[in-house]
């Protein structure tokens, strides 16, 4: 298993968490997404996958949900 942690800014509620989780779990090889919501701040997002993830794909998925990801 591989684990990747990114910081996502702009999430404020459980709806935000669901939107980001939905986009990330759609990526190939992702098995689990865990988000520690810090409403209105920077929230750590841990992505567990069966293979290494392309950082640009992770950023694109978060942006598709309407938020910004940083390493």
PDB file of N, CA and C in Angstrom:
ATOM      1  N   UNK A   1       0.835  -1.193   0.000  1.00  0.00           N
ATOM      2  CA  UNK A   1       0.000   0.000   0.000  1.00  0.00           C
ATOM      3  C   UNK A   1       0.877   1.253   0.000  1.00  0.00           C
ATOM      4  N   UNK A   2       0.383   2.263  -0.659  1.00  0.00           N
ATOM      5  CA  UNK A   2       1.058   3.556  -0.701  1.00  0.00           C
ATOM      6  C   UNK A   2       0.178   4.574   0.001  1.00  0.00           C
ATOM      7  N   UNK A   3       0.801   5.512   0.657  1.00  0.00           N
ATOM      8  CA  UNK A   3       0.058   6.573   1.323  1.00  0.00           C
ATOM      9  C   UNK A   3       0.617   7.920   0.879  1.00  0.00           C
ATOM     10  N   UNK A   4      -0.290   8.791   0.466  1.00  0.00           N
ATOM     11  CA  UNK A   4       0.081  10.126   0.019  1.00  0.00           C
ATOM     12  C   UNK A   4      -0.714  11.124   0.840  1.00  0.00           C
ATOM     13  N   UNK A   5      -0.068  12.160   1.344  1.00  0.00           N
ATOM     14  CA  UNK A   5      -0.780  13.190   2.078  1.00  0.00           C
ATOM     15  C   UNK A   5      -0.612  14.519   1.363  1.00  0.00           C
ATOM     16  N   UNK A   6      -1.733  15.179   1.124  1.00  0.00           N
ATOM     17  CA  UNK A   6      -1.729  16.513   0.528  1.00  0.00           C
ATOM     18  C   UNK A   6      -2.526  17.431   1.440  1.00  0.00           C
ATOM     19  N   UNK A   7      -2.314  18.715   1.288  1.00  0.00           N
ATOM     20  CA  UNK A   7      -3.076  19.701   2.037  1.00  0.00           C
ATOM     21  C   UNK A   7      -4.066  20.345   1.081  1.00  0.00           C
ATOM     22  N   UNK A   8      -5.335  20.372   1.495  1.00  0.00           N
ATOM     23  CA  UNK A   8      -6.376  20.966   0.669  1.00  0.00           C
ATOM     24  C   UNK A   8      -6.919  22.182   1.393  1.00  0.00           C
ATOM     25  N   UNK A   9      -6.966  23.313   0.686  1.00  0.00           N
ATOM     26  CA  UNK A   9      -7.493  24.528   1.300  1.00  0.00           C
ATOM     27  C   UNK A   9      -8.865  24.844   0.730  1.00  0.00           C
ATOM     28  N   UNK A  10      -9.696  25.473   1.557  1.00  0.00           N
ATOM     29  CA  UNK A  10     -10.998  25.948   1.112  1.00  0.00           C
ATOM     30  C   UNK A  10     -12.181  25.110   1.540  1.00  0.00           C
ATOM     31  N   UNK A  11     -11.955  23.933   2.102  1.00  0.00           N
ATOM     32  CA  UNK A  11     -13.090  23.114   2.549  1.00  0.00           C
ATOM     33  C   UNK A  11     -13.641  23.673   3.851  1.00  0.00           C
ATOM     34  N   UNK A  12     -14.979  23.688   3.960  1.00  0.00           N
ATOM     35  CA  UNK A  12     -15.595  24.256   5.158  1.00  0.00           C
ATOM     36  C   UNK A  12     -16.586  23.329   5.855  1.00  0.00           C
ATOM     37  N   UNK A  13     -17.008  22.231   5.184  1.00  0.00           N
ATOM     38  CA  UNK A  13     -18.063  21.399   5.762  1.00  0.00           C
ATOM     39  C   UNK A  13     -17.976  19.969   5.241  1.00  0.00           C
ATOM     40  N   UNK A  14     -18.881  19.129   5.711  1.00  0.00           N
ATOM     41  CA  UNK A  14     -18.910  17.734   5.288  1.00  0.00           C
ATOM     42  C   UNK A  14     -19.231  17.590   3.807  1.00  0.00           C
ATOM     43  N   UNK A  15     -19.987  18.513   3.236  1.00  0.00           N
ATOM     44  CA  UNK A  15     -20.253  18.470   1.787  1.00  0.00           C
ATOM     45  C   UNK A  15     -18.935  18.611   1.025  1.00  0.00           C
ATOM     46  N   UNK A  16     -18.077  19.498   1.490  1.00  0.00           N
ATOM     47  CA  UNK A  16     -16.763  19.683   0.866  1.00  0.00           C
ATOM     48  C   UNK A  16     -15.956  18.395   0.949  1.00  0.00           C
ATOM     49  N   UNK A  17     -15.976  17.772   2.108  1.00  0.00           N
ATOM     50  CA  UNK A  17     -15.247  16.522   2.325  1.00  0.00           C
ATOM     51  C   UNK A  17     -15.750  15.455   1.358  1.00  0.00           C
ATOM     52  N   UNK A  18     -17.069  15.342   1.221  1.00  0.00           N
ATOM     53  CA  UNK A  18     -17.635  14.341   0.314  1.00  0.00           C
ATOM     54  C   UNK A  18     -17.232  14.614  -1.130  1.00  0.00           C
ATOM     55  N   UNK A  19     -17.240  15.878  -1.547  1.00  0.00           N
ATOM     56  CA  UNK A  19     -16.886  16.226  -2.931  1.00  0.00           C
ATOM     57  C   UNK A  19     -15.437  15.848  -3.233  1.00  0.00           C
ATOM     58  N   UNK A  20     -14.525  16.180  -2.329  1.00  0.00           N
ATOM     59  CA  UNK A  20     -13.108  15.857  -2.529  1.00  0.00           C
ATOM     60  C   UNK A  20     -12.902  14.343  -2.482  1.00  0.00           C
ATOM     61  N   UNK A  21     -13.547  13.679  -1.535  1.00  0.00           N
ATOM     62  CA  UNK A  21     -13.425  12.218  -1.421  1.00  0.00           C
ATOM     63  C   UNK A  21     -13.919  11.542  -2.695  1.00  0.00           C
ATOM     64  N   UNK A  22     -15.040  11.994  -3.230  1.00  0.00           N
ATOM     65  CA  UNK A  22     -15.601  11.402  -4.447  1.00  0.00           C
ATOM     66  C   UNK A  22     -14.636  11.525  -5.628  1.00  0.00           C
ATOM     67  N   UNK A  23     -14.050  12.694  -5.804  1.00  0.00           N
ATOM     68  CA  UNK A  23     -13.116  12.894  -6.919  1.00  0.00           C
ATOM     69  C   UNK A  23     -11.848  12.061  -6.748  1.00  0.00           C
ATOM     70  N   UNK A  24     -11.328  11.994  -5.531  1.00  0.00           N
ATOM     71  CA  UNK A  24     -10.088  11.248  -5.305  1.00  0.00           C
ATOM     72  C   UNK A  24     -10.300   9.741  -5.423  1.00  0.00           C
ATOM     73  N   UNK A  25     -11.430   9.235  -4.937  1.00  0.00           N
ATOM     74  CA  UNK A  25     -11.664   7.791  -5.026  1.00  0.00           C
ATOM     75  C   UNK A  25     -11.923   7.357  -6.465  1.00  0.00           C
ATOM     76  N   UNK A  26     -12.211   8.291  -7.349  1.00  0.00           N
ATOM     77  CA  UNK A  26     -12.392   7.960  -8.764  1.00  0.00           C
ATOM     78  C   UNK A  26     -11.054   7.697  -9.463  1.00  0.00           C
ATOM     79  N   UNK A  27      -9.949   8.103  -8.841  1.00  0.00           N
ATOM     80  CA  UNK A  27      -8.628   7.850  -9.428  1.00  0.00           C
ATOM     81  C   UNK A  27      -8.311   6.357  -9.367  1.00  0.00           C
ATOM     82  N   UNK A  28      -7.640   5.866 -10.396  1.00  0.00           N
ATOM     83  CA  UNK A  28      -7.216   4.468 -10.412  1.00  0.00           C
ATOM     84  C   UNK A  28      -6.331   4.173  -9.209  1.00  0.00           C
ATOM     85  N   UNK A  29      -6.518   3.029  -8.620  1.00  0.00           N
ATOM     86  CA  UNK A  29      -5.688   2.492  -7.537  1.00  0.00           C
ATOM     87  C   UNK A  29      -5.975   3.078  -6.157  1.00  0.00           C
ATOM     88  N   UNK A  30      -6.842   4.108  -6.040  1.00  0.00           N
ATOM     89  CA  UNK A  30      -7.138   4.681  -4.722  1.00  0.00           C
ATOM     90  C   UNK A  30      -8.081   3.741  -3.972  1.00  0.00           C
ATOM     91  N   UNK A  31      -7.701   3.395  -2.739  1.00  0.00           N
ATOM     92  CA  UNK A  31      -8.501   2.481  -1.931  1.00  0.00           C
ATOM     93  C   UNK A  31      -9.173   3.169  -0.750  1.00  0.00           C
ATOM     94  N   UNK A  32      -8.616   4.301  -0.302  1.00  0.00           N
ATOM     95  CA  UNK A  32      -9.187   4.993   0.855  1.00  0.00           C
ATOM     96  C   UNK A  32      -8.747   6.447   0.847  1.00  0.00           C
ATOM     97  N   UNK A  33      -9.670   7.329   1.299  1.00  0.00           N
ATOM     98  CA  UNK A  33      -9.364   8.747   1.457  1.00  0.00           C
ATOM     99  C   UNK A  33      -9.786   9.152   2.858  1.00  0.00           C
ATOM    100  N   UNK A  34      -8.870   9.758   3.615  1.00  0.00           N
ATOM    101  CA  UNK A  34      -9.169  10.224   4.967  1.00  0.00           C
ATOM    102  C   UNK A  34      -8.874  11.714   5.023  1.00  0.00           C
ATOM    103  N   UNK A  35      -9.868  12.490   5.459  1.00  0.00           N
ATOM    104  CA  UNK A  35      -9.714  13.945   5.512  1.00  0.00           C
ATOM    105  C   UNK A  35      -9.905  14.424   6.943  1.00  0.00           C
ATOM    106  N   UNK A  36      -8.943  15.198   7.433  1.00  0.00           N
ATOM    107  CA  UNK A  36      -9.028  15.828   8.754  1.00  0.00           C
ATOM    108  C   UNK A  36      -9.457  17.274   8.509  1.00  0.00           C
ATOM    109  N   UNK A  37     -10.778  17.506   8.506  1.00  0.00           N
ATOM    110  CA  UNK A  37     -11.328  18.814   8.147  1.00  0.00           C
ATOM    111  C   UNK A  37     -10.968  19.898   9.155  1.00  0.00           C
ATOM    112  N   UNK A  38     -10.355  20.964   8.646  1.00  0.00           N
ATOM    113  CA  UNK A  38     -10.093  22.186   9.409  1.00  0.00           C
ATOM    114  C   UNK A  38     -10.878  23.270   8.676  1.00  0.00           C
ATOM    115  N   UNK A  39     -12.130  23.446   9.068  1.00  0.00           N
ATOM    116  CA  UNK A  39     -13.059  24.309   8.345  1.00  0.00           C
ATOM    117  C   UNK A  39     -12.468  25.686   8.069  1.00  0.00           C
ATOM    118  N   UNK A  40     -12.431  26.045   6.793  1.00  0.00           N
ATOM    119  CA  UNK A  40     -11.940  27.350   6.382  1.00  0.00           C
ATOM    120  C   UNK A  40     -10.428  27.459   6.343  1.00  0.00           C
ATOM    121  N   UNK A  41      -9.748  26.412   6.736  1.00  0.00           N
ATOM    122  CA  UNK A  41      -8.284  26.443   6.747  1.00  0.00           C
ATOM    123  C   UNK A  41      -7.708  25.383   5.827  1.00  0.00           C
ATOM    124  N   UNK A  42      -6.520  24.919   6.179  1.00  0.00           N
ATOM    125  CA  UNK A  42      -5.856  23.882   5.405  1.00  0.00           C
ATOM    126  C   UNK A  42      -6.118  22.529   6.054  1.00  0.00           C
ATOM    127  N   UNK A  43      -6.671  21.601   5.285  1.00  0.00           N
ATOM    128  CA  UNK A  43      -7.025  20.285   5.807  1.00  0.00           C
ATOM    129  C   UNK A  43      -6.110  19.217   5.222  1.00  0.00           C
ATOM    130  N   UNK A  44      -5.481  18.399   6.086  1.00  0.00           N
ATOM    131  CA  UNK A  44      -4.670  17.307   5.575  1.00  0.00           C
ATOM    132  C   UNK A  44      -5.565  16.195   5.014  1.00  0.00           C
ATOM    133  N   UNK A  45      -5.191  15.700   3.841  1.00  0.00           N
ATOM    134  CA  UNK A  45      -5.930  14.629   3.173  1.00  0.00           C
ATOM    135  C   UNK A  45      -4.947  13.488   2.932  1.00  0.00           C
ATOM    136  N   UNK A  46      -5.250  12.326   3.483  1.00  0.00           N
ATOM    137  CA  UNK A  46      -4.409  11.153   3.299  1.00  0.00           C
ATOM    138  C   UNK A  46      -5.100  10.213   2.318  1.00  0.00           C
ATOM    139  N   UNK A  47      -4.360   9.859   1.270  1.00  0.00           N
ATOM    140  CA  UNK A  47      -4.891   9.008   0.214  1.00  0.00           C
ATOM    141  C   UNK A  47      -4.109   7.703   0.237  1.00  0.00           C
ATOM    142  N   UNK A  48      -4.818   6.595   0.405  1.00  0.00           N
ATOM    143  CA  UNK A  48      -4.194   5.277   0.384  1.00  0.00           C
ATOM    144  C   UNK A  48      -4.471   4.659  -0.979  1.00  0.00           C
ATOM    145  N   UNK A  49      -3.436   4.094  -1.573  1.00  0.00           N
ATOM    146  CA  UNK A  49      -3.585   3.521  -2.911  1.00  0.00           C
ATOM    147  C   UNK A  49      -2.761   2.248  -3.035  1.00  0.00           C
ATOM    148  N   UNK A  50      -3.137   1.438  -4.016  1.00  0.00           N
ATOM    149  CA  UNK A  50      -2.432   0.180  -4.238  1.00  0.00           C
ATOM    150  C   UNK A  50      -1.201   0.359  -5.126  1.00  0.00           C
ATOM    151  N   UNK A  51      -1.046   1.559  -5.695  1.00  0.00           N
ATOM    152  CA  UNK A  51       0.119   1.892  -6.524  1.00  0.00           C
ATOM    153  C   UNK A  51       0.431   3.371  -6.323  1.00  0.00           C
ATOM    154  N   UNK A  52       1.659   3.795  -6.608  1.00  0.00           N
ATOM    155  CA  UNK A  52       1.982   5.224  -6.471  1.00  0.00           C
ATOM    156  C   UNK A  52       1.062   6.081  -7.337  1.00  0.00           C
ATOM    157  N   UNK A  53       0.698   7.247  -6.802  1.00  0.00           N
ATOM    158  CA  UNK A  53      -0.196   8.159  -7.514  1.00  0.00           C
ATOM    159  C   UNK A  53       0.585   9.260  -8.200  1.00  0.00           C
ATOM    160  N   UNK A  54       0.077   9.697  -9.330  1.00  0.00           N
ATOM    161  CA  UNK A  54       0.645  10.829 -10.057  1.00  0.00           C
ATOM    162  C   UNK A  54       0.206  12.107  -9.337  1.00  0.00           C
ATOM    163  N   UNK A  55       1.138  12.891  -8.797  1.00  0.00           N
ATOM    164  CA  UNK A  55       0.763  14.107  -8.075  1.00  0.00           C
ATOM    165  C   UNK A  55      -0.123  15.052  -8.893  1.00  0.00           C
ATOM    166  N   UNK A  56       0.109  15.130 -10.198  1.00  0.00           N
ATOM    167  CA  UNK A  56      -0.716  16.031 -11.012  1.00  0.00           C
ATOM    168  C   UNK A  56      -2.146  15.511 -11.111  1.00  0.00           C
ATOM    169  N   UNK A  57      -2.346  14.200 -11.089  1.00  0.00           N
ATOM    170  CA  UNK A  57      -3.695  13.627 -11.112  1.00  0.00           C
ATOM    171  C   UNK A  57      -4.421  13.920  -9.803  1.00  0.00           C
ATOM    172  N   UNK A  58      -3.684  13.856  -8.689  1.00  0.00           N
ATOM    173  CA  UNK A  58      -4.274  14.170  -7.387  1.00  0.00           C
ATOM    174  C   UNK A  58      -4.702  15.634  -7.360  1.00  0.00           C
ATOM    175  N   UNK A  59      -3.819  16.532  -7.799  1.00  0.00           N
ATOM    176  CA  UNK A  59      -4.165  17.964  -7.832  1.00  0.00           C
ATOM    177  C   UNK A  59      -5.368  18.214  -8.728  1.00  0.00           C
ATOM    178  N   UNK A  60      -5.398  17.577  -9.885  1.00  0.00           N
ATOM    179  CA  UNK A  60      -6.508  17.762 -10.827  1.00  0.00           C
ATOM    180  C   UNK A  60      -7.830  17.291 -10.224  1.00  0.00           C
ATOM    181  N   UNK A  61      -7.803  16.177  -9.494  1.00  0.00           N
ATOM    182  CA  UNK A  61      -9.021  15.661  -8.865  1.00  0.00           C
ATOM    183  C   UNK A  61      -9.530  16.630  -7.804  1.00  0.00           C
ATOM    184  N   UNK A  62      -8.624  17.163  -6.999  1.00  0.00           N
ATOM    185  CA  UNK A  62      -9.023  18.129  -5.966  1.00  0.00           C
ATOM    186  C   UNK A  62      -9.571  19.399  -6.614  1.00  0.00           C
ATOM    187  N   UNK A  63      -8.927  19.858  -7.680  1.00  0.00           N
ATOM    188  CA  UNK A  63      -9.394  21.056  -8.379  1.00  0.00           C
ATOM    189  C   UNK A  63     -10.754  20.820  -9.031  1.00  0.00           C
ATOM    190  N   UNK A  64     -10.992  19.602  -9.518  1.00  0.00           N
ATOM    191  CA  UNK A  64     -12.302  19.265 -10.114  1.00  0.00           C
ATOM    192  C   UNK A  64     -13.398  19.403  -9.066  1.00  0.00           C
ATOM    193  N   UNK A  65     -13.061  19.120  -7.810  1.00  0.00           N
ATOM    194  CA  UNK A  65     -14.030  19.257  -6.711  1.00  0.00           C
ATOM    195  C   UNK A  65     -14.194  20.721  -6.293  1.00  0.00           C
ATOM    196  N   UNK A  66     -13.312  21.596  -6.786  1.00  0.00           N
ATOM    197  CA  UNK A  66     -13.439  23.025  -6.499  1.00  0.00           C
ATOM    198  C   UNK A  66     -12.504  23.554  -5.439  1.00  0.00           C
ATOM    199  N   UNK A  67     -11.434  22.823  -5.147  1.00  0.00           N
ATOM    200  CA  UNK A  67     -10.514  23.225  -4.086  1.00  0.00           C
ATOM    201  C   UNK A  67      -9.080  23.223  -4.592  1.00  0.00           C
ATOM    202  N   UNK A  68      -8.151  23.617  -3.737  1.00  0.00           N
ATOM    203  CA  UNK A  68      -6.755  23.696  -4.115  1.00  0.00           C
ATOM    204  C   UNK A  68      -5.942  22.748  -3.240  1.00  0.00           C
ATOM    205  N   UNK A  69      -5.074  21.953  -3.890  1.00  0.00           N
ATOM    206  CA  UNK A  69      -4.207  21.029  -3.159  1.00  0.00           C
ATOM    207  C   UNK A  69      -2.760  21.469  -3.271  1.00  0.00           C
ATOM    208  N   UNK A  70      -2.047  21.326  -2.171  1.00  0.00           N
ATOM    209  CA  UNK A  70      -0.610  21.560  -2.148  1.00  0.00           C
ATOM    210  C   UNK A  70       0.043  20.333  -1.545  1.00  0.00           C
ATOM    211  N   UNK A  71       1.297  20.128  -1.849  1.00  0.00           N
ATOM    212  CA  UNK A  71       2.009  18.951  -1.333  1.00  0.00           C
ATOM    213  C   UNK A  71       2.222  19.066   0.151  1.00  0.00           C
TER     214      UNK A  71
END
